[in-house]
Protein backbone atom coordinates (compact mmCIF):
# COMPACT_ATOMS: atom_id res chain seq x y z
CA MET A 1 20.86 6.53 -9.35
CA ASN A 2 20.89 8.21 -5.93
CA GLY A 3 18.79 11.08 -7.30
CA LYS A 4 16.09 8.67 -8.50
CA HIS A 5 15.99 6.93 -5.12
CA PHE A 6 15.66 10.28 -3.35
CA VAL A 7 12.78 11.34 -5.61
CA MET A 8 11.01 7.98 -5.19
CA GLY A 9 11.47 8.08 -1.41
CA SER A 10 10.17 11.65 -1.23
CA ALA A 11 7.14 10.76 -3.35
CA LEU A 12 6.29 7.80 -1.12
CA LEU A 13 6.56 9.93 2.01
CA MET A 14 4.26 12.59 0.54
CA LEU A 15 1.74 9.94 -0.52
CA ALA A 16 1.75 8.40 2.95
CA GLY A 17 1.30 11.83 4.53
CA CYS A 18 -1.63 12.68 2.26
CA GLN A 19 -3.39 9.43 3.06
CA HIS A 20 -2.95 9.96 6.79
CA MET A 21 -4.32 13.52 6.86
CA GLY A 22 -7.93 13.86 7.97
CA MET A 23 -8.30 10.25 9.10
CA GLY A 24 -8.96 11.01 12.77
CA GLY A 25 -11.46 9.27 14.97
CA GLY A 26 -14.57 11.46 14.85
CA ASP A 27 -13.50 14.72 16.47
CA GLY A 28 -11.65 17.39 14.52
CA LEU A 29 -12.44 15.71 11.19
CA PRO A 30 -12.73 17.81 8.02
CA THR A 31 -16.12 19.40 7.33
CA VAL A 32 -15.74 19.99 3.58
CA THR A 33 -14.65 17.90 0.63
CA ARG A 34 -13.37 18.94 -2.77
CA THR A 35 -16.89 18.76 -4.22
CA GLY A 36 -19.21 19.40 -1.29
CA GLU A 37 -19.89 19.28 2.43
CA VAL A 38 -19.33 16.54 4.97
CA LYS A 39 -22.57 15.32 6.57
CA ASP A 40 -22.11 13.36 9.80
CA VAL A 41 -24.29 10.51 11.06
CA VAL A 42 -23.49 9.89 14.73
CA ILE A 43 -24.11 6.34 15.96
CA ARG A 44 -25.13 6.06 19.61
CA GLU A 45 -28.21 4.17 20.84
CA ASP A 46 -29.85 5.54 17.71
CA LEU A 47 -28.74 7.43 14.58
CA SER A 48 -28.50 11.18 14.50
CA PRO A 49 -29.93 11.94 12.00
CA ALA A 50 -31.76 8.75 11.00
CA THR A 51 -32.72 10.30 7.65
CA LEU A 52 -30.09 12.46 6.00
CA THR A 53 -30.43 14.71 2.97
CA ALA A 54 -27.27 15.58 1.07
CA ASN A 55 -26.23 16.75 -2.37
CA ALA A 56 -24.40 14.73 -4.98
CA GLY A 57 -20.70 14.98 -4.17
CA ASP A 58 -21.21 15.49 -0.43
CA GLU A 59 -19.40 13.07 1.86
CA ILE A 60 -21.62 11.11 4.25
CA ARG A 61 -19.58 10.11 7.31
CA TRP A 62 -20.67 7.69 10.04
CA ILE A 63 -19.01 8.11 13.45
CA ASN A 64 -19.37 5.30 16.01
CA LYS A 65 -19.81 6.84 19.48
CA ARG A 66 -20.94 3.55 21.06
CA GLN A 67 -18.78 1.52 23.42
CA GLY A 68 -18.75 -1.52 21.13
CA ASN A 69 -18.27 -2.26 17.45
CA VAL A 70 -20.93 -1.60 14.83
CA ARG A 71 -21.40 -2.65 11.23
CA ILE A 72 -23.03 -0.43 8.59
CA VAL A 73 -24.74 -2.41 5.83
CA PHE A 74 -26.30 -0.85 2.71
CA LEU A 75 -29.55 -2.64 1.81
CA ASP A 76 -29.34 -1.71 -1.87
CA PRO A 77 -26.43 -2.07 -4.31
CA VAL A 78 -24.38 1.15 -4.17
CA THR A 79 -21.04 0.39 -5.84
CA GLU A 80 -22.01 2.01 -9.15
CA MET A 81 -23.34 5.14 -7.38
CA LEU A 82 -20.19 5.98 -5.40
CA SER A 83 -17.62 8.60 -6.28
CA CYS A 84 -15.57 8.02 -3.10
CA GLN A 85 -15.43 5.69 -0.11
CA ARG A 86 -13.34 5.22 3.02
CA ASN A 87 -13.37 2.15 5.31
CA PHE A 88 -16.16 0.46 3.33
CA GLY A 89 -15.84 -2.77 1.39
CA GLY A 90 -17.87 -5.48 -0.29
CA LEU A 91 -18.92 -8.66 1.47
CA MET A 92 -17.32 -11.90 0.44
CA GLY A 93 -19.81 -14.40 -0.91
CA ALA A 94 -22.85 -14.31 -3.14
CA ASP A 95 -23.80 -10.61 -2.97
CA LYS A 96 -20.75 -8.63 -4.04
CA ASN A 97 -22.88 -5.45 -4.41
CA GLN A 98 -23.49 -5.21 -0.66
CA TYR A 99 -21.18 -2.62 0.87
CA THR A 100 -20.35 -2.74 4.58
CA ALA A 101 -18.14 -0.98 7.09
CA ASN A 102 -17.01 -2.38 10.44
CA LEU A 103 -16.33 0.39 12.95
CA GLY A 104 -14.78 0.20 16.39
CA SER A 105 -15.59 2.76 19.05
CA ASN A 106 -14.78 6.31 17.81
CA ASP A 107 -13.96 5.04 14.28
CA SER A 108 -15.51 6.53 11.16
CA ALA A 109 -16.28 5.53 7.59
CA SER A 110 -17.63 7.56 4.68
CA VAL A 111 -18.99 7.48 1.14
CA CYS A 112 -19.83 10.05 -1.55
CA PHE A 113 -22.66 9.57 -4.04
CA ARG A 114 -22.27 10.90 -7.57
CA SER A 115 -25.93 11.25 -8.56
CA PRO A 116 -29.41 11.73 -7.06
CA SER A 117 -30.74 8.64 -5.31
CA GLN A 118 -32.34 7.29 -2.17
CA VAL A 119 -30.33 4.73 -0.21
CA ARG A 120 -31.33 2.59 2.76
CA TYR A 121 -28.92 1.12 5.28
CA VAL A 122 -28.85 -0.63 8.65
CA VAL A 123 -26.42 -0.19 11.53
CA ARG A 124 -25.95 -3.48 13.36
CA ALA A 125 -24.69 -3.21 16.91
CA ASP A 126 -24.18 -5.56 19.85
CA SER A 127 -27.10 -5.43 22.25
CA ASN A 128 -28.57 -6.97 25.40
CA LEU A 129 -31.64 -7.96 23.37
CA PRO A 130 -32.38 -11.70 23.17
CA THR A 131 -31.06 -11.72 19.59
CA GLY A 132 -27.80 -10.17 20.80
CA GLU A 133 -27.94 -7.59 18.02
CA GLN A 134 -29.70 -4.27 17.53
CA ASN A 135 -30.59 -3.16 13.97
CA ILE A 136 -30.97 0.59 13.54
CA ALA A 137 -32.45 1.67 10.19
CA GLY A 138 -31.32 4.78 8.34
CA SER A 139 -31.74 6.39 4.95
CA ILE A 140 -29.97 8.91 2.76
CA ASN A 141 -31.64 11.16 0.19
CA ILE A 142 -29.18 12.49 -2.37
CA ALA A 143 -30.42 15.61 -4.17
CA GLY A 144 -29.20 16.59 -7.63
CA GLU A 145 -27.57 19.98 -7.68
CA SER A 146 -25.98 21.66 -4.70
CA SER A 147 -28.19 24.43 -3.33
CA SER A 148 -25.13 26.67 -3.06
CA VAL A 149 -24.57 26.51 -6.83
CA ARG A 150 -27.03 28.66 -8.75
CA GLN A 151 -27.57 27.89 -12.39
CA GLN A 152 -26.68 30.80 -14.67
CA PRO A 153 -29.44 31.94 -17.08
CA THR A 154 -28.99 31.08 -20.74
CA SER A 155 -28.63 33.81 -23.35
CA ASN A 156 -32.25 33.22 -24.48
CA GLN A 157 -33.46 33.65 -20.89
CA ARG A 158 -31.46 36.89 -20.54
CA MET A 159 -32.86 38.23 -23.85
CA GLY A 160 -36.43 37.36 -22.75
CA GLU A 161 -35.91 39.12 -19.42
CA ALA A 162 -34.51 42.21 -21.18
CA ALA A 163 -37.49 42.29 -23.55
CA ARG A 164 -39.94 42.09 -20.61
CA MET A 165 -38.11 44.94 -18.87
CA ASP A 166 -38.21 47.09 -22.04
CA GLU A 167 -41.93 46.35 -22.46
CA SER A 168 -42.80 47.23 -18.86
CA SER A 169 -40.80 50.48 -18.98
CA SER A 170 -42.52 51.58 -22.26
CA GLN A 171 -45.96 51.05 -20.70
CA ARG A 172 -45.25 53.61 -17.97
């Protein structure tokens, strides 16, 4: 019995350690994921960048560099498009497809999209405006295939290329 308890305890400690790794507050965060790159959107008085282009599988990470709290709200349903998420969740109420993240100062949240799409979102932040809230619009364009992955030619394409090379060398 003691052996089983030791193994279970060790497994729980490893799981807790794995979940804690890489969850810092904006500086020194990982820059790659298992399937792609990490693309940062820094939230200050505006978004940098306001329009982001990424590949499917890349992690899009928002980092709040403002003094106060912000809320990131996707304007389109995204739950079926995600392959990963951290610190995001659905709203309670009528629209369960709306994903949001509440970030304190220097907090971060991220998502990964599994397929090509265009997604719009708004960052809502406290403001001195008469409405008391500033809405900063942003968008994400997810491309299909990673530009770092080149598609290998098929055997028919290789045979066609070889035939063209043979033909051009016989004409000389």
